[in-house]
Amino acid sequence: MDILVDLAEPIGWDVVDLKDELEQLLGLPVDLVLKGGVARRPKLLRSIREDATYV
């Protein structure tokens, strides 16, 4: 499962812990995509937003 994460502040390597915790909770492999990382690529961000399911 791909999850787009929008963080108010950088969390550094804690993002790895977040990924691990989400995988345990969901019982699925998780790929975290940081919004700040794709925000500089408008076409990619637009594509992600078009396919996104907000929860």
PDB file of N, CA and C in Angstrom:
ATOM      1  N   MET A   1       0.850  -1.153   0.000  1.00  0.00           N
ATOM      2  CA  MET A   1       0.000   0.000   0.000  1.00  0.00           C
ATOM      3  C   MET A   1       0.905   1.228   0.000  1.00  0.00           C
ATOM      4  N   ASP A   2       0.597   2.180  -0.860  1.00  0.00           N
ATOM      5  CA  ASP A   2       1.327   3.448  -0.880  1.00  0.00           C
ATOM      6  C   ASP A   2       0.559   4.448  -0.029  1.00  0.00           C
ATOM      7  N   ILE A   3       1.276   5.136   0.843  1.00  0.00           N
ATOM      8  CA  ILE A   3       0.646   6.116   1.724  1.00  0.00           C
ATOM      9  C   ILE A   3       1.375   7.443   1.571  1.00  0.00           C
ATOM     10  N   LEU A   4       0.625   8.481   1.198  1.00  0.00           N
ATOM     11  CA  LEU A   4       1.170   9.830   1.091  1.00  0.00           C
ATOM     12  C   LEU A   4       1.071  10.479   2.460  1.00  0.00           C
ATOM     13  N   VAL A   5       2.206  10.927   2.970  1.00  0.00           N
ATOM     14  CA  VAL A   5       2.268  11.483   4.319  1.00  0.00           C
ATOM     15  C   VAL A   5       2.607  12.966   4.223  1.00  0.00           C
ATOM     16  N   ASP A   6       1.805  13.796   4.862  1.00  0.00           N
ATOM     17  CA  ASP A   6       2.034  15.238   4.911  1.00  0.00           C
ATOM     18  C   ASP A   6       2.371  15.589   6.350  1.00  0.00           C
ATOM     19  N   LEU A   7       3.639  15.832   6.614  1.00  0.00           N
ATOM     20  CA  LEU A   7       4.107  16.104   7.971  1.00  0.00           C
ATOM     21  C   LEU A   7       4.252  17.603   8.209  1.00  0.00           C
ATOM     22  N   ALA A   8       3.869  18.065   9.385  1.00  0.00           N
ATOM     23  CA  ALA A   8       4.022  19.475   9.738  1.00  0.00           C
ATOM     24  C   ALA A   8       5.505  19.823   9.929  1.00  0.00           C
ATOM     25  N   GLU A   9       6.257  18.855  10.450  1.00  0.00           N
ATOM     26  CA  GLU A   9       7.689  19.053  10.678  1.00  0.00           C
ATOM     27  C   GLU A   9       8.427  17.778  10.276  1.00  0.00           C
ATOM     28  N   PRO A  10       9.662  17.908   9.816  1.00  0.00           N
ATOM     29  CA  PRO A  10      10.432  16.700   9.495  1.00  0.00           C
ATOM     30  C   PRO A  10      10.599  15.810  10.732  1.00  0.00           C
ATOM     31  N   ILE A  11      10.561  14.484  10.519  1.00  0.00           N
ATOM     32  CA  ILE A  11      10.728  13.561  11.642  1.00  0.00           C
ATOM     33  C   ILE A  11      11.983  12.703  11.498  1.00  0.00           C
ATOM     34  N   GLY A  12      12.766  12.987  10.463  1.00  0.00           N
ATOM     35  CA  GLY A  12      14.027  12.269  10.298  1.00  0.00           C
ATOM     36  C   GLY A  12      13.828  10.772  10.134  1.00  0.00           C
ATOM     37  N   TRP A  13      14.684  10.009  10.801  1.00  0.00           N
ATOM     38  CA  TRP A  13      14.656   8.555  10.675  1.00  0.00           C
ATOM     39  C   TRP A  13      13.449   7.928  11.355  1.00  0.00           C
ATOM     40  N   ASP A  14      12.667   8.689  12.120  1.00  0.00           N
ATOM     41  CA  ASP A  14      11.444   8.153  12.726  1.00  0.00           C
ATOM     42  C   ASP A  14      10.433   7.727  11.657  1.00  0.00           C
ATOM     43  N   VAL A  15      10.626   8.193  10.422  1.00  0.00           N
ATOM     44  CA  VAL A  15       9.742   7.786   9.336  1.00  0.00           C
ATOM     45  C   VAL A  15       9.849   6.270   9.113  1.00  0.00           C
ATOM     46  N   VAL A  16      11.001   5.688   9.391  1.00  0.00           N
ATOM     47  CA  VAL A  16      11.171   4.238   9.272  1.00  0.00           C
ATOM     48  C   VAL A  16      10.322   3.530  10.326  1.00  0.00           C
ATOM     49  N   ASP A  17      10.311   4.057  11.536  1.00  0.00           N
ATOM     50  CA  ASP A  17       9.462   3.487  12.590  1.00  0.00           C
ATOM     51  C   ASP A  17       7.986   3.612  12.219  1.00  0.00           C
ATOM     52  N   LEU A  18       7.601   4.748  11.643  1.00  0.00           N
ATOM     53  CA  LEU A  18       6.217   4.949  11.208  1.00  0.00           C
ATOM     54  C   LEU A  18       5.838   3.906  10.171  1.00  0.00           C
ATOM     55  N   LYS A  19       6.695   3.668   9.212  1.00  0.00           N
ATOM     56  CA  LYS A  19       6.450   2.651   8.188  1.00  0.00           C
ATOM     57  C   LYS A  19       6.259   1.275   8.823  1.00  0.00           C
ATOM     58  N   ASP A  20       7.160   0.920   9.734  1.00  0.00           N
ATOM     59  CA  ASP A  20       7.070  -0.391  10.395  1.00  0.00           C
ATOM     60  C   ASP A  20       5.775  -0.536  11.182  1.00  0.00           C
ATOM     61  N   GLU A  21       5.390   0.510  11.906  1.00  0.00           N
ATOM     62  CA  GLU A  21       4.160   0.461  12.702  1.00  0.00           C
ATOM     63  C   GLU A  21       2.929   0.329  11.808  1.00  0.00           C
ATOM     64  N   LEU A  22       2.909   1.053  10.694  1.00  0.00           N
ATOM     65  CA  LEU A  22       1.773   0.958   9.778  1.00  0.00           C
ATOM     66  C   LEU A  22       1.681  -0.434   9.167  1.00  0.00           C
ATOM     67  N   GLU A  23       2.816  -1.034   8.833  1.00  0.00           N
ATOM     68  CA  GLU A  23       2.805  -2.387   8.284  1.00  0.00           C
ATOM     69  C   GLU A  23       2.249  -3.382   9.298  1.00  0.00           C
ATOM     70  N   GLN A  24       2.617  -3.215  10.563  1.00  0.00           N
ATOM     71  CA  GLN A  24       2.094  -4.108  11.600  1.00  0.00           C
ATOM     72  C   GLN A  24       0.595  -3.924  11.776  1.00  0.00           C
ATOM     73  N   LEU A  25       0.142  -2.687  11.814  1.00  0.00           N
ATOM     74  CA  LEU A  25      -1.280  -2.406  12.003  1.00  0.00           C
ATOM     75  C   LEU A  25      -2.127  -2.891  10.829  1.00  0.00           C
ATOM     76  N   LEU A  26      -1.643  -2.667   9.619  1.00  0.00           N
ATOM     77  CA  LEU A  26      -2.425  -2.982   8.430  1.00  0.00           C
ATOM     78  C   LEU A  26      -2.224  -4.417   7.944  1.00  0.00           C
ATOM     79  N   GLY A  27      -1.129  -5.028   8.355  1.00  0.00           N
ATOM     80  CA  GLY A  27      -0.828  -6.372   7.896  1.00  0.00           C
ATOM     81  C   GLY A  27      -0.470  -6.421   6.417  1.00  0.00           C
ATOM     82  N   LEU A  28       0.030  -5.299   5.888  1.00  0.00           N
ATOM     83  CA  LEU A  28       0.394  -5.173   4.475  1.00  0.00           C
ATOM     84  C   LEU A  28       1.742  -4.482   4.348  1.00  0.00           C
ATOM     85  N   PRO A  29       2.464  -4.744   3.265  1.00  0.00           N
ATOM     86  CA  PRO A  29       3.671  -3.944   3.005  1.00  0.00           C
ATOM     87  C   PRO A  29       3.257  -2.496   2.718  1.00  0.00           C
ATOM     88  N   VAL A  30       4.006  -1.553   3.251  1.00  0.00           N
ATOM     89  CA  VAL A  30       3.685  -0.134   3.110  1.00  0.00           C
ATOM     90  C   VAL A  30       4.871   0.604   2.502  1.00  0.00           C
ATOM     91  N   ASP A  31       4.566   1.480   1.550  1.00  0.00           N
ATOM     92  CA  ASP A  31       5.548   2.431   1.035  1.00  0.00           C
ATOM     93  C   ASP A  31       5.065   3.816   1.422  1.00  0.00           C
ATOM     94  N   LEU A  32       5.892   4.540   2.161  1.00  0.00           N
ATOM     95  CA  LEU A  32       5.549   5.909   2.543  1.00  0.00           C
ATOM     96  C   LEU A  32       6.115   6.869   1.505  1.00  0.00           C
ATOM     97  N   VAL A  33       5.286   7.792   1.084  1.00  0.00           N
ATOM     98  CA  VAL A  33       5.699   8.839   0.159  1.00  0.00           C
ATOM     99  C   VAL A  33       5.505  10.153   0.905  1.00  0.00           C
ATOM    100  N   LEU A  34       6.585  10.884   1.103  1.00  0.00           N
ATOM    101  CA  LEU A  34       6.493  12.149   1.820  1.00  0.00           C
ATOM    102  C   LEU A  34       6.072  13.254   0.858  1.00  0.00           C
ATOM    103  N   LYS A  35       5.000  13.948   1.210  1.00  0.00           N
ATOM    104  CA  LYS A  35       4.455  14.989   0.339  1.00  0.00           C
ATOM    105  C   LYS A  35       5.503  16.046   0.020  1.00  0.00           C
ATOM    106  N   GLY A  36       6.320  16.385   0.993  1.00  0.00           N
ATOM    107  CA  GLY A  36       7.370  17.371   0.753  1.00  0.00           C
ATOM    108  C   GLY A  36       8.352  16.929  -0.313  1.00  0.00           C
ATOM    109  N   GLY A  37       8.533  15.625  -0.435  1.00  0.00           N
ATOM    110  CA  GLY A  37       9.452  15.097  -1.437  1.00  0.00           C
ATOM    111  C   GLY A  37       8.902  15.125  -2.848  1.00  0.00           C
ATOM    112  N   VAL A  38       7.599  15.005  -3.000  1.00  0.00           N
ATOM    113  CA  VAL A  38       7.003  15.017  -4.340  1.00  0.00           C
ATOM    114  C   VAL A  38       6.432  16.375  -4.707  1.00  0.00           C
ATOM    115  N   ALA A  39       6.353  17.282  -3.757  1.00  0.00           N
ATOM    116  CA  ALA A  39       5.779  18.610  -4.014  1.00  0.00           C
ATOM    117  C   ALA A  39       6.579  19.374  -5.066  1.00  0.00           C
ATOM    118  N   ARG A  40       7.855  19.051  -5.195  1.00  0.00           N
ATOM    119  CA  ARG A  40       8.693  19.730  -6.188  1.00  0.00           C
ATOM    120  C   ARG A  40       8.503  19.154  -7.586  1.00  0.00           C
ATOM    121  N   ARG A  41       7.681  18.122  -7.701  1.00  0.00           N
ATOM    122  CA  ARG A  41       7.399  17.498  -9.001  1.00  0.00           C
ATOM    123  C   ARG A  41       5.899  17.589  -9.242  1.00  0.00           C
ATOM    124  N   PRO A  42       5.434  18.726  -9.738  1.00  0.00           N
ATOM    125  CA  PRO A  42       3.990  18.980  -9.866  1.00  0.00           C
ATOM    126  C   PRO A  42       3.216  17.909 -10.624  1.00  0.00           C
ATOM    127  N   LYS A  43       3.763  17.369 -11.709  1.00  0.00           N
ATOM    128  CA  LYS A  43       3.043  16.343 -12.472  1.00  0.00           C
ATOM    129  C   LYS A  43       2.857  15.078 -11.637  1.00  0.00           C
ATOM    130  N   LEU A  44       3.885  14.686 -10.916  1.00  0.00           N
ATOM    131  CA  LEU A  44       3.797  13.500 -10.065  1.00  0.00           C
ATOM    132  C   LEU A  44       2.786  13.723  -8.946  1.00  0.00           C
ATOM    133  N   LEU A  45       2.844  14.869  -8.286  1.00  0.00           N
ATOM    134  CA  LEU A  45       1.910  15.174  -7.202  1.00  0.00           C
ATOM    135  C   LEU A  45       0.478  15.198  -7.718  1.00  0.00           C
ATOM    136  N   ARG A  46       0.265  15.769  -8.880  1.00  0.00           N
ATOM    137  CA  ARG A  46      -1.081  15.821  -9.466  1.00  0.00           C
ATOM    138  C   ARG A  46      -1.584  14.398  -9.743  1.00  0.00           C
ATOM    139  N   SER A  47      -0.729  13.547 -10.269  1.00  0.00           N
ATOM    140  CA  SER A  47      -1.101  12.164 -10.545  1.00  0.00           C
ATOM    141  C   SER A  47      -1.455  11.417  -9.259  1.00  0.00           C
ATOM    142  N   ILE A  48      -0.660  11.629  -8.228  1.00  0.00           N
ATOM    143  CA  ILE A  48      -0.929  10.991  -6.933  1.00  0.00           C
ATOM    144  C   ILE A  48      -2.278  11.452  -6.387  1.00  0.00           C
ATOM    145  N   ARG A  49      -2.519  12.743  -6.455  1.00  0.00           N
ATOM    146  CA  ARG A  49      -3.786  13.278  -5.933  1.00  0.00           C
ATOM    147  C   ARG A  49      -4.992  12.735  -6.684  1.00  0.00           C
ATOM    148  N   GLU A  50      -4.844  12.514  -7.986  1.00  0.00           N
ATOM    149  CA  GLU A  50      -5.954  11.988  -8.784  1.00  0.00           C
ATOM    150  C   GLU A  50      -6.306  10.560  -8.382  1.00  0.00           C
ATOM    151  N   ASP A  51      -5.313   9.795  -7.962  1.00  0.00           N
ATOM    152  CA  ASP A  51      -5.531   8.388  -7.586  1.00  0.00           C
ATOM    153  C   ASP A  51      -5.759   8.175  -6.107  1.00  0.00           C
ATOM    154  N   ALA A  52      -5.591   9.212  -5.315  1.00  0.00           N
ATOM    155  CA  ALA A  52      -5.611   9.073  -3.861  1.00  0.00           C
ATOM    156  C   ALA A  52      -7.014   8.786  -3.313  1.00  0.00           C
ATOM    157  N   THR A  53      -7.024   8.025  -2.231  1.00  0.00           N
ATOM    158  CA  THR A  53      -8.227   7.834  -1.422  1.00  0.00           C
ATOM    159  C   THR A  53      -7.922   8.431  -0.062  1.00  0.00           C
ATOM    160  N   TYR A  54      -8.662   9.439   0.326  1.00  0.00           N
ATOM    161  CA  TYR A  54      -8.394  10.133   1.590  1.00  0.00           C
ATOM    162  C   TYR A  54      -9.104   9.441   2.732  1.00  0.00           C
ATOM    163  N   VAL A  55      -8.360   9.195   3.793  1.00  0.00           N
ATOM    164  CA  VAL A  55      -8.935   8.548   4.975  1.00  0.00           C
ATOM    165  C   VAL A  55      -8.623   9.348   6.217  1.00  0.00           C
TER     166      VAL A  55
END
